[in-house]
N, C-alpha and C. Protein backbone atom coordinates (compact mmCIF):
# COMPACT_ATOMS: atom_id res chain seq x y z
N MET A 1 94.01 149.49 24.91
CA MET A 1 93.03 149.20 25.01
C MET A 1 92.97 148.94 26.45
N ILE A 2 91.33 149.61 27.11
CA ILE A 2 90.79 148.68 28.22
C ILE A 2 89.61 147.81 27.98
N LEU A 3 88.76 146.95 28.38
CA LEU A 3 88.04 146.02 28.09
C LEU A 3 86.73 146.06 28.42
N THR A 4 86.21 145.66 27.69
CA THR A 4 84.26 146.24 28.38
C THR A 4 83.78 145.16 28.99
N GLY A 5 83.18 145.41 29.38
CA GLY A 5 81.94 144.31 30.41
C GLY A 5 81.81 143.23 30.52
N LYS A 6 81.25 142.90 28.97
CA LYS A 6 81.10 142.04 27.82
C LYS A 6 82.72 141.15 27.69
N GLU A 7 83.67 141.76 27.19
CA GLU A 7 84.57 141.20 27.10
C GLU A 7 85.74 140.62 28.31
N ILE A 8 84.73 141.16 29.62
CA ILE A 8 85.54 140.77 30.93
C ILE A 8 84.89 139.51 30.83
N LYS A 9 84.07 139.39 30.97
CA LYS A 9 82.75 138.44 30.83
C LYS A 9 83.06 136.85 30.45
N LYS A 10 83.91 137.29 29.27
CA LYS A 10 84.05 136.10 28.11
C LYS A 10 85.02 135.92 28.37
N ARG A 11 86.40 136.69 29.34
CA ARG A 11 87.67 136.30 29.07
C ARG A 11 87.87 135.61 30.92
N LEU A 12 86.84 135.12 31.31
CA LEU A 12 86.89 134.66 32.57
C LEU A 12 87.05 133.28 32.26
N GLU A 13 87.74 132.81 33.55
CA GLU A 13 88.56 131.44 33.88
C GLU A 13 89.17 131.05 32.70
N LYS A 14 89.93 132.15 31.73
CA LYS A 14 90.40 132.64 30.76
C LYS A 14 91.71 133.56 31.07
N ASP A 15 91.57 134.28 30.99
CA ASP A 15 93.10 135.43 31.37
C ASP A 15 92.52 136.33 32.87
N ILE A 16 91.36 136.00 32.50
CA ILE A 16 90.52 136.54 34.06
C ILE A 16 90.03 135.79 35.29
N ILE A 17 89.98 135.98 36.11
CA ILE A 17 89.61 135.22 37.20
C ILE A 17 89.44 135.91 38.11
N ILE A 18 88.32 135.88 39.00
CA ILE A 18 87.23 136.57 39.69
C ILE A 18 86.46 135.81 40.71
N GLU A 19 87.50 135.87 42.12
CA GLU A 19 86.18 134.77 42.81
C GLU A 19 85.79 135.46 44.15
N PRO A 20 84.27 135.54 44.75
CA PRO A 20 83.63 134.83 43.42
C PRO A 20 83.17 135.89 42.49
N TYR A 21 82.27 135.20 41.85
CA TYR A 21 81.86 136.14 40.94
C TYR A 21 80.20 136.66 40.63
N SER A 22 79.89 137.90 40.45
CA SER A 22 78.73 137.91 40.00
C SER A 22 78.35 138.61 39.08
N ASP A 23 77.40 138.40 38.04
CA ASP A 23 77.47 139.62 36.96
C ASP A 23 76.03 140.67 37.62
N ASN A 24 76.08 141.03 38.61
CA ASN A 24 76.09 142.22 39.43
C ASN A 24 75.93 143.57 39.49
N ARG A 25 77.67 142.82 39.24
CA ARG A 25 78.69 143.66 39.53
C ARG A 25 79.97 143.73 38.96
N LEU A 26 78.64 143.34 37.08
CA LEU A 26 79.94 144.08 36.05
C LEU A 26 79.44 145.17 35.48
N ASN A 27 80.27 146.19 35.42
CA ASN A 27 80.09 147.45 35.06
C ASN A 27 80.42 147.82 33.31
N PRO A 28 80.14 148.67 33.12
CA PRO A 28 79.87 148.39 31.23
C PRO A 28 81.69 148.73 30.91
N ASN A 29 82.67 148.58 31.65
CA ASN A 29 84.25 148.49 31.40
C ASN A 29 84.64 148.48 33.19
N SER A 30 84.23 148.26 33.54
CA SER A 30 84.98 147.22 34.42
C SER A 30 83.60 146.21 35.43
N TYR A 31 84.79 145.39 36.98
CA TYR A 31 83.92 144.90 37.51
C TYR A 31 84.45 145.80 38.54
N ASN A 32 82.44 146.10 39.74
CA ASN A 32 83.14 145.83 40.99
C ASN A 32 83.80 145.19 42.07
N LEU A 33 84.52 145.40 42.89
CA LEU A 33 85.31 144.30 44.42
C LEU A 33 84.38 144.84 45.10
N ARG A 34 84.57 143.98 46.50
CA ARG A 34 84.04 144.68 47.46
C ARG A 34 85.23 144.20 48.75
N LEU A 35 84.33 145.44 49.69
CA LEU A 35 85.41 145.48 51.18
C LEU A 35 85.35 143.99 51.85
N HIS A 36 86.41 143.56 51.91
CA HIS A 36 86.42 142.39 53.01
C HIS A 36 85.86 143.04 54.15
N ASN A 37 85.25 141.95 55.53
CA ASN A 37 85.40 142.45 56.53
C ASN A 37 86.95 143.11 58.22
N GLU A 38 87.77 142.54 57.60
CA GLU A 38 88.89 142.58 58.45
C GLU A 38 89.38 144.49 57.23
N LEU A 39 90.17 145.26 58.74
CA LEU A 39 91.21 145.81 58.09
C LEU A 39 92.43 145.76 59.08
N VAL A 40 93.37 146.42 58.64
CA VAL A 40 94.69 147.05 59.60
C VAL A 40 95.15 147.87 59.31
N ARG A 41 95.41 148.04 61.12
CA ARG A 41 95.72 149.71 61.10
C ARG A 41 97.64 149.14 61.75
N TYR A 42 97.96 150.30 61.64
CA TYR A 42 99.86 150.64 62.34
C TYR A 42 99.39 151.15 63.61
N THR A 43 99.84 150.97 64.42
CA THR A 43 99.75 150.55 66.10
C THR A 43 101.26 151.91 66.30
N GLU A 44 102.19 151.55 65.63
CA GLU A 44 102.80 153.43 66.03
C GLU A 44 104.06 153.55 65.46
N THR A 45 103.93 154.54 65.64
CA THR A 45 104.32 156.27 64.60
C THR A 45 106.04 156.61 64.96
N PRO A 46 106.40 156.96 64.51
CA PRO A 46 106.11 157.26 63.13
C PRO A 46 106.71 156.15 62.13
N LEU A 47 106.38 155.59 61.51
CA LEU A 47 106.50 154.35 60.43
C LEU A 47 107.59 154.55 59.48
N ASP A 48 108.60 153.27 59.34
CA ASP A 48 109.66 153.02 59.10
C ASP A 48 110.07 152.51 58.54
N MET A 49 110.51 152.28 56.99
CA MET A 49 110.40 151.82 55.76
C MET A 49 111.11 151.26 55.93
N LYS A 50 112.49 150.90 56.73
CA LYS A 50 113.51 150.14 56.91
C LYS A 50 112.73 148.61 57.88
N LYS A 51 111.61 148.67 58.62
CA LYS A 51 111.29 147.99 59.72
C LYS A 51 109.90 147.30 59.60
N SER A 52 109.48 146.12 59.46
CA SER A 52 108.04 145.64 59.67
C SER A 52 107.40 146.24 60.59
N ASN A 53 106.59 147.70 60.65
CA ASN A 53 106.13 148.48 61.37
C ASN A 53 104.48 147.23 62.34
N PRO A 54 105.13 147.31 63.29
CA PRO A 54 103.69 147.34 64.10
C PRO A 54 102.42 147.24 63.69
N SER A 55 101.25 146.15 63.64
CA SER A 55 99.84 146.34 63.21
C SER A 55 99.10 145.92 63.66
N GLU A 56 98.10 146.38 64.08
CA GLU A 56 96.67 145.46 64.78
C GLU A 56 95.53 145.34 63.56
N ASN A 57 94.78 144.05 63.76
CA ASN A 57 93.61 143.27 62.98
C ASN A 57 92.62 144.21 63.61
N LEU A 58 91.26 144.81 62.60
CA LEU A 58 90.18 145.18 63.36
C LEU A 58 88.62 144.22 62.22
N ILE A 59 88.28 143.83 62.86
CA ILE A 59 87.13 143.54 61.83
C ILE A 59 86.08 144.06 62.03
N ILE A 60 85.14 144.71 61.25
CA ILE A 60 84.93 145.77 60.49
C ILE A 60 82.41 144.19 61.01
N PRO A 61 82.00 145.52 61.91
CA PRO A 61 80.65 144.60 62.44
C PRO A 61 79.87 144.89 61.65
N GLU A 62 78.64 144.37 60.76
CA GLU A 62 77.63 144.57 60.77
C GLU A 62 76.66 145.44 60.52
N SER A 63 77.36 146.22 61.67
CA SER A 63 77.09 147.30 62.14
C SER A 63 77.34 148.21 61.91
N GLY A 64 78.89 148.39 61.19
CA GLY A 64 79.77 149.68 61.16
C GLY A 64 80.56 149.67 61.93
N LEU A 65 81.65 150.32 60.80
CA LEU A 65 82.71 150.63 61.71
C LEU A 65 83.71 152.26 61.92
N LEU A 66 83.23 152.82 62.73
CA LEU A 66 84.09 154.33 62.04
C LEU A 66 86.04 154.33 62.18
N LEU A 67 85.66 154.88 60.93
CA LEU A 67 87.42 155.14 61.15
C LEU A 67 87.04 156.87 61.01
N GLN A 68 88.72 157.44 61.32
CA GLN A 68 88.81 158.19 61.89
C GLN A 68 89.55 159.10 60.53
N PRO A 69 90.17 160.40 60.91
CA PRO A 69 90.75 160.76 59.68
C PRO A 69 92.27 160.34 60.75
N GLY A 70 93.36 160.68 59.89
CA GLY A 70 94.27 161.45 60.10
C GLY A 70 95.25 159.43 59.87
N VAL A 71 94.38 158.34 60.05
CA VAL A 71 94.53 156.96 59.89
C VAL A 71 94.86 156.37 59.04
N LEU A 72 95.78 155.51 58.37
CA LEU A 72 95.98 154.82 57.14
C LEU A 72 95.75 153.64 57.90
N TYR A 73 93.94 153.44 57.12
CA TYR A 73 93.87 151.26 57.05
C TYR A 73 94.24 150.96 56.15
N LEU A 74 94.60 149.43 55.99
CA LEU A 74 94.33 148.92 55.40
C LEU A 74 93.85 148.37 55.52
N GLY A 75 92.71 147.51 53.73
CA GLY A 75 91.96 146.59 53.55
C GLY A 75 92.23 145.69 52.54
N ARG A 76 90.43 144.71 52.43
CA ARG A 76 91.63 144.18 51.27
C ARG A 76 90.04 143.90 50.26
N THR A 77 90.36 143.56 49.08
CA THR A 77 88.49 142.99 48.97
C THR A 77 88.82 141.96 49.17
N LEU A 78 86.77 141.35 49.03
CA LEU A 78 86.32 140.49 49.81
C LEU A 78 87.27 139.33 47.81
N GLU A 79 87.29 139.35 46.46
CA GLU A 79 87.38 138.77 45.85
C GLU A 79 88.54 138.35 45.36
N TYR A 80 89.22 137.31 45.15
CA TYR A 80 90.30 136.73 44.84
C TYR A 80 90.47 137.01 43.22
N THR A 81 91.32 137.46 42.91
CA THR A 81 91.33 137.89 41.22
C THR A 81 92.97 137.56 41.01
N GLU A 82 92.79 136.89 39.63
CA GLU A 82 94.21 136.20 38.89
C GLU A 82 93.70 137.09 37.55
N THR A 83 95.45 137.40 37.14
CA THR A 83 95.31 138.25 35.78
C THR A 83 96.10 137.55 34.84
N HIS A 84 95.70 137.20 33.12
CA HIS A 84 96.66 136.38 33.14
C HIS A 84 96.02 137.63 30.72
N ASN A 85 97.58 137.97 30.49
CA ASN A 85 97.31 138.29 29.15
C ASN A 85 97.10 140.09 29.32
N LEU A 86 96.59 140.52 30.68
CA LEU A 86 96.34 141.55 30.46
C LEU A 86 97.08 142.78 31.74
N VAL A 87 96.59 143.69 31.47
CA VAL A 87 97.58 143.91 33.17
C VAL A 87 96.08 144.92 33.81
N PRO A 88 95.46 144.56 35.11
CA PRO A 88 94.35 144.64 35.91
C PRO A 88 95.03 146.12 36.86
N MET A 89 94.40 146.88 36.16
CA MET A 89 93.71 148.34 37.16
C MET A 89 92.44 148.86 38.56
N LEU A 90 93.09 149.12 39.64
CA LEU A 90 91.85 149.27 40.71
C LEU A 90 92.14 150.52 40.29
N GLU A 91 90.85 151.26 40.84
CA GLU A 91 90.51 152.04 41.31
C GLU A 91 89.19 152.34 42.20
N GLY A 92 88.99 153.87 43.44
CA GLY A 92 88.47 153.60 44.36
C GLY A 92 86.51 153.77 43.31
N ARG A 93 85.92 153.49 43.74
CA ARG A 93 84.30 154.02 42.67
C ARG A 93 83.90 155.91 43.33
N SER A 94 83.49 155.78 42.64
CA SER A 94 82.96 157.35 42.94
C SER A 94 82.21 157.38 43.76
N SER A 95 81.72 157.19 44.24
CA SER A 95 80.45 157.11 45.34
C SER A 95 81.33 156.70 46.62
N ILE A 96 82.64 156.18 47.06
CA ILE A 96 82.92 155.98 47.17
C ILE A 96 83.62 157.00 48.12
N GLY A 97 84.62 157.51 47.02
CA GLY A 97 85.15 158.78 47.02
C GLY A 97 84.23 159.94 47.11
N ARG A 98 83.57 160.16 47.05
CA ARG A 98 82.04 161.84 47.55
C ARG A 98 82.11 161.69 48.50
N LEU A 99 82.04 160.42 49.63
CA LEU A 99 82.76 160.55 51.20
C LEU A 99 83.38 161.24 51.44
N GLY A 100 84.85 160.95 51.18
CA GLY A 100 85.81 161.90 51.57
C GLY A 100 86.66 160.71 51.98
N MET A 101 86.15 159.22 51.33
CA MET A 101 86.96 158.14 51.36
C MET A 101 87.87 158.05 50.00
N TYR A 102 89.08 158.04 50.30
CA TYR A 102 90.32 157.45 50.35
C TYR A 102 90.79 155.90 49.65
N VAL A 103 90.09 154.96 48.46
CA VAL A 103 91.11 153.72 48.07
C VAL A 103 91.74 154.18 47.14
N HIS A 104 93.33 153.11 47.53
CA HIS A 104 93.88 152.62 47.01
C HIS A 104 94.06 153.90 46.11
N VAL A 105 95.28 154.59 46.66
CA VAL A 105 95.88 155.92 45.95
C VAL A 105 96.68 156.02 44.80
N THR A 106 97.48 154.47 45.53
CA THR A 106 98.28 154.78 44.50
C THR A 106 98.31 153.33 44.12
N ALA A 107 99.76 153.06 43.45
CA ALA A 107 100.16 151.99 42.47
C ALA A 107 99.19 150.82 42.00
N GLY A 108 97.90 151.98 41.13
CA GLY A 108 96.49 151.39 41.20
C GLY A 108 96.96 150.47 39.43
N PHE A 109 97.56 150.41 39.22
CA PHE A 109 97.80 149.49 37.50
C PHE A 109 98.56 148.00 38.51
N GLY A 110 98.21 147.07 38.62
CA GLY A 110 98.78 146.28 38.82
C GLY A 110 100.51 145.20 38.24
N ASP A 111 100.14 143.70 37.85
CA ASP A 111 101.01 143.40 36.51
C ASP A 111 100.75 142.22 35.96
N VAL A 112 100.57 142.37 34.68
CA VAL A 112 100.35 140.90 34.40
C VAL A 112 100.67 139.97 34.97
N GLY A 113 100.08 138.77 35.05
CA GLY A 113 100.19 137.70 36.62
C GLY A 113 99.94 137.41 37.34
N PHE A 114 99.43 138.87 37.97
CA PHE A 114 98.94 138.63 39.23
C PHE A 114 97.93 138.32 39.43
N LYS A 115 97.84 137.28 41.31
CA LYS A 115 97.57 136.78 41.54
C LYS A 115 97.25 136.46 42.74
N GLY A 116 95.89 136.66 43.58
CA GLY A 116 95.94 137.04 44.96
C GLY A 116 94.98 138.13 45.37
N PHE A 117 94.52 138.96 46.22
CA PHE A 117 93.11 139.99 46.77
C PHE A 117 94.45 141.16 46.99
N TRP A 118 93.53 142.30 46.61
CA TRP A 118 94.66 143.24 46.59
C TRP A 118 93.89 143.52 47.83
N THR A 119 95.32 143.99 47.98
CA THR A 119 95.17 144.88 49.39
C THR A 119 95.09 146.78 49.73
N LEU A 120 93.85 147.82 49.88
CA LEU A 120 93.80 148.77 49.93
C LEU A 120 94.23 149.65 50.47
N GLU A 121 94.71 150.76 50.01
CA GLU A 121 95.11 151.40 50.81
C GLU A 121 93.92 152.74 51.22
N ILE A 122 93.12 152.66 52.51
CA ILE A 122 91.99 153.34 53.36
C ILE A 122 92.75 154.94 53.94
N SER A 123 92.11 155.60 53.58
CA SER A 123 92.04 157.13 54.85
C SER A 123 90.46 157.80 54.37
N VAL A 124 89.89 157.86 55.09
CA VAL A 124 89.19 159.64 54.86
C VAL A 124 89.78 160.92 55.63
N ILE A 125 88.87 161.92 55.02
CA ILE A 125 89.50 163.12 55.40
C ILE A 125 88.27 163.81 56.41
N GLN A 126 87.13 162.83 56.80
CA GLN A 126 86.42 162.96 58.15
C GLN A 126 85.74 162.08 58.89
N PRO A 127 85.01 161.47 59.48
CA PRO A 127 84.82 160.64 60.18
C PRO A 127 83.52 159.45 59.58
N LEU A 128 83.87 158.79 58.98
CA LEU A 128 83.07 157.86 58.42
C LEU A 128 82.26 156.41 58.78
N VAL A 129 81.33 156.56 58.79
CA VAL A 129 81.19 155.13 59.08
C VAL A 129 81.50 154.02 58.05
N ILE A 130 82.10 152.67 57.57
CA ILE A 130 82.30 152.16 56.86
C ILE A 130 81.04 150.79 57.14
N TYR A 131 81.03 149.36 56.70
CA TYR A 131 80.50 148.51 56.32
C TYR A 131 81.08 148.09 55.37
N PRO A 132 80.76 146.46 55.71
CA PRO A 132 81.42 144.85 54.97
C PRO A 132 80.80 144.65 54.31
N ASN A 133 81.33 144.01 53.42
CA ASN A 133 81.18 144.32 52.00
C ASN A 133 80.39 144.66 51.09
N VAL A 134 81.08 146.30 51.21
CA VAL A 134 79.88 147.48 50.44
C VAL A 134 81.54 147.29 49.43
N GLU A 135 81.26 147.19 47.90
CA GLU A 135 81.32 148.14 46.63
C GLU A 135 81.95 148.71 47.11
N ILE A 136 83.26 148.86 47.16
CA ILE A 136 84.53 149.77 47.07
C ILE A 136 85.10 150.24 46.16
N CYS A 137 85.63 149.50 45.11
CA CYS A 137 86.10 149.74 44.26
C CYS A 137 86.42 148.82 42.94
N GLN A 138 86.31 149.25 41.57
CA GLN A 138 86.73 149.01 40.16
C GLN A 138 87.72 148.34 39.71
N ILE A 139 87.63 147.49 39.23
CA ILE A 139 88.74 146.33 38.40
C ILE A 139 88.67 146.76 37.03
N PHE A 140 90.04 147.62 36.15
CA PHE A 140 89.75 147.54 35.16
C PHE A 140 91.15 146.36 34.07
N TYR A 141 90.93 145.78 32.90
CA TYR A 141 91.67 145.15 32.31
C TYR A 141 91.66 146.29 31.05
N HIS A 142 92.79 146.26 30.92
CA HIS A 142 93.85 146.62 29.81
C HIS A 142 95.05 145.73 29.03
N THR A 143 94.49 146.12 28.02
CA THR A 143 95.87 144.99 26.29
C THR A 143 97.04 145.72 27.11
N VAL A 144 97.86 144.35 26.39
CA VAL A 144 99.02 144.71 26.66
C VAL A 144 100.07 144.48 24.99
N GLU A 145 100.73 145.49 24.52
CA GLU A 145 101.80 145.07 23.20
C GLU A 145 103.07 144.13 23.99
N GLY A 146 103.62 144.02 23.27
CA GLY A 146 104.92 143.01 23.53
C GLY A 146 105.43 141.73 24.20
N GLU A 147 105.44 141.44 24.19
CA GLU A 147 106.22 139.86 24.63
C GLU A 147 106.11 140.14 26.23
N ILE A 148 105.09 139.55 27.57
CA ILE A 148 104.71 139.78 28.29
C ILE A 148 106.17 138.73 28.67
N THR A 149 106.19 139.25 30.26
CA THR A 149 106.70 138.22 31.46
C THR A 149 105.79 138.60 32.25
N GLU A 150 104.89 137.73 32.98
CA GLU A 150 104.20 137.80 34.13
C GLU A 150 105.26 137.89 35.43
N TYR A 151 104.13 138.43 36.44
CA TYR A 151 104.77 138.74 37.88
C TYR A 151 104.91 137.99 38.76
N LYS A 152 106.37 138.30 39.48
CA LYS A 152 106.63 137.10 39.77
C LYS A 152 107.60 137.77 41.45
N SER A 153 106.84 137.48 42.66
CA SER A 153 107.55 138.48 43.77
C SER A 153 107.06 137.61 45.32
N GLY A 154 108.28 137.66 45.31
CA GLY A 154 108.46 137.16 47.09
C GLY A 154 108.11 138.08 47.85
N LYS A 155 106.91 139.26 47.41
CA LYS A 155 106.30 139.95 48.38
C LYS A 155 104.90 139.85 48.58
N TYR A 156 104.33 139.98 47.47
CA TYR A 156 102.87 140.55 47.21
C TYR A 156 101.94 139.19 47.08
N GLN A 157 103.27 138.51 45.96
CA GLN A 157 102.09 137.69 45.61
C GLN A 157 101.90 136.29 45.48
N GLY A 158 100.75 136.23 45.97
CA GLY A 158 99.77 134.44 46.34
C GLY A 158 99.51 134.83 47.53
N ASN A 159 99.54 136.40 47.62
CA ASN A 159 98.78 136.40 49.28
C ASN A 159 97.27 136.25 49.60
N LYS A 160 97.19 136.07 50.89
CA LYS A 160 95.37 135.78 51.17
C LYS A 160 95.03 136.48 52.16
N GLY A 161 95.53 137.67 52.19
CA GLY A 161 94.98 138.31 53.48
C GLY A 161 95.27 139.85 53.12
N ILE A 162 95.26 140.77 53.89
CA ILE A 162 95.84 141.65 54.04
C ILE A 162 97.50 142.05 53.96
N GLN A 163 97.71 143.00 53.24
CA GLN A 163 99.55 143.00 53.90
C GLN A 163 100.64 144.60 54.29
N THR A 164 101.08 143.94 54.70
CA THR A 164 101.63 145.47 55.89
C THR A 164 102.77 145.77 53.71
N SER A 165 103.51 146.79 54.50
CA SER A 165 103.88 147.18 53.51
C SER A 165 105.94 146.25 53.39
N MET A 166 105.75 145.89 52.61
CA MET A 166 106.77 144.74 53.41
C MET A 166 108.17 145.38 51.83
N LEU A 167 108.20 146.51 51.87
CA LEU A 167 109.38 147.60 51.32
C LEU A 167 110.88 147.60 52.44
N TYR A 168 110.90 146.94 53.64
CA TYR A 168 112.15 146.59 54.46
C TYR A 168 113.17 145.64 54.03
N LYS A 169 111.88 144.95 53.34
CA LYS A 169 112.85 143.67 52.61
C LYS A 169 113.83 144.10 51.65
N ASP A 170 113.30 145.27 50.49
CA ASP A 170 114.62 145.61 49.21
C ASP A 170 115.96 146.15 50.91
N PHE A 171 115.41 146.78 51.72
CA PHE A 171 116.69 146.79 52.16
C PHE A 171 117.57 145.71 52.72
N GLU A 172 116.86 145.12 53.31
CA GLU A 172 117.37 144.05 53.73
C GLU A 172 118.54 143.22 52.54
N ASN A 173 117.83 143.58 51.73
CA ASN A 173 118.79 142.66 50.42
C ASN A 173 118.96 143.93 49.46
N GLY A 174 119.91 144.64 50.19
CA GLY A 174 120.97 145.21 49.73
C GLY A 174 119.75 146.38 48.97
N LYS A 175 119.38 145.75 48.21
CA LYS A 175 118.61 147.08 46.85
C LYS A 175 118.36 148.39 46.92
N TYR A 176 118.19 149.26 48.88
CA TYR A 176 118.83 150.52 49.14
C TYR A 176 120.62 151.05 49.84
């Protein structure tokens, strides 16, 4: 089952932490998260799954930043979230998608126990000017049945900012 907006608010500081929080971003069954003013883009192609690929930071000025098609940008939510006893799910807002901007198209479901900022995969199908602090995606919360084991990861848990792919660590650790 998905939580209503009123239930999200009731569980704040218990099962759900959203910092900073504002009632203005609470929806009937979700909460709008905003885009931080920083992006990351890879600087060399082709990308290699077995390597830590080089990247550069970009700042989105208040006057906007032009994104180009064919480039993968990584952003992050302005809000820090923590989720206990629930499964968080992130989806781009339809207003953003209607501009040809795709946000967080993979791994929409997070894990019970995730703590940190959400790294957002961003791409556009046509040139688009974006701005910091825009409500870019929505977080939903789903109830869980069964015994809960909270997420513990040496790769993405407790992050402080945008994270590029760390799949290479699985190769280094012999998983593949």
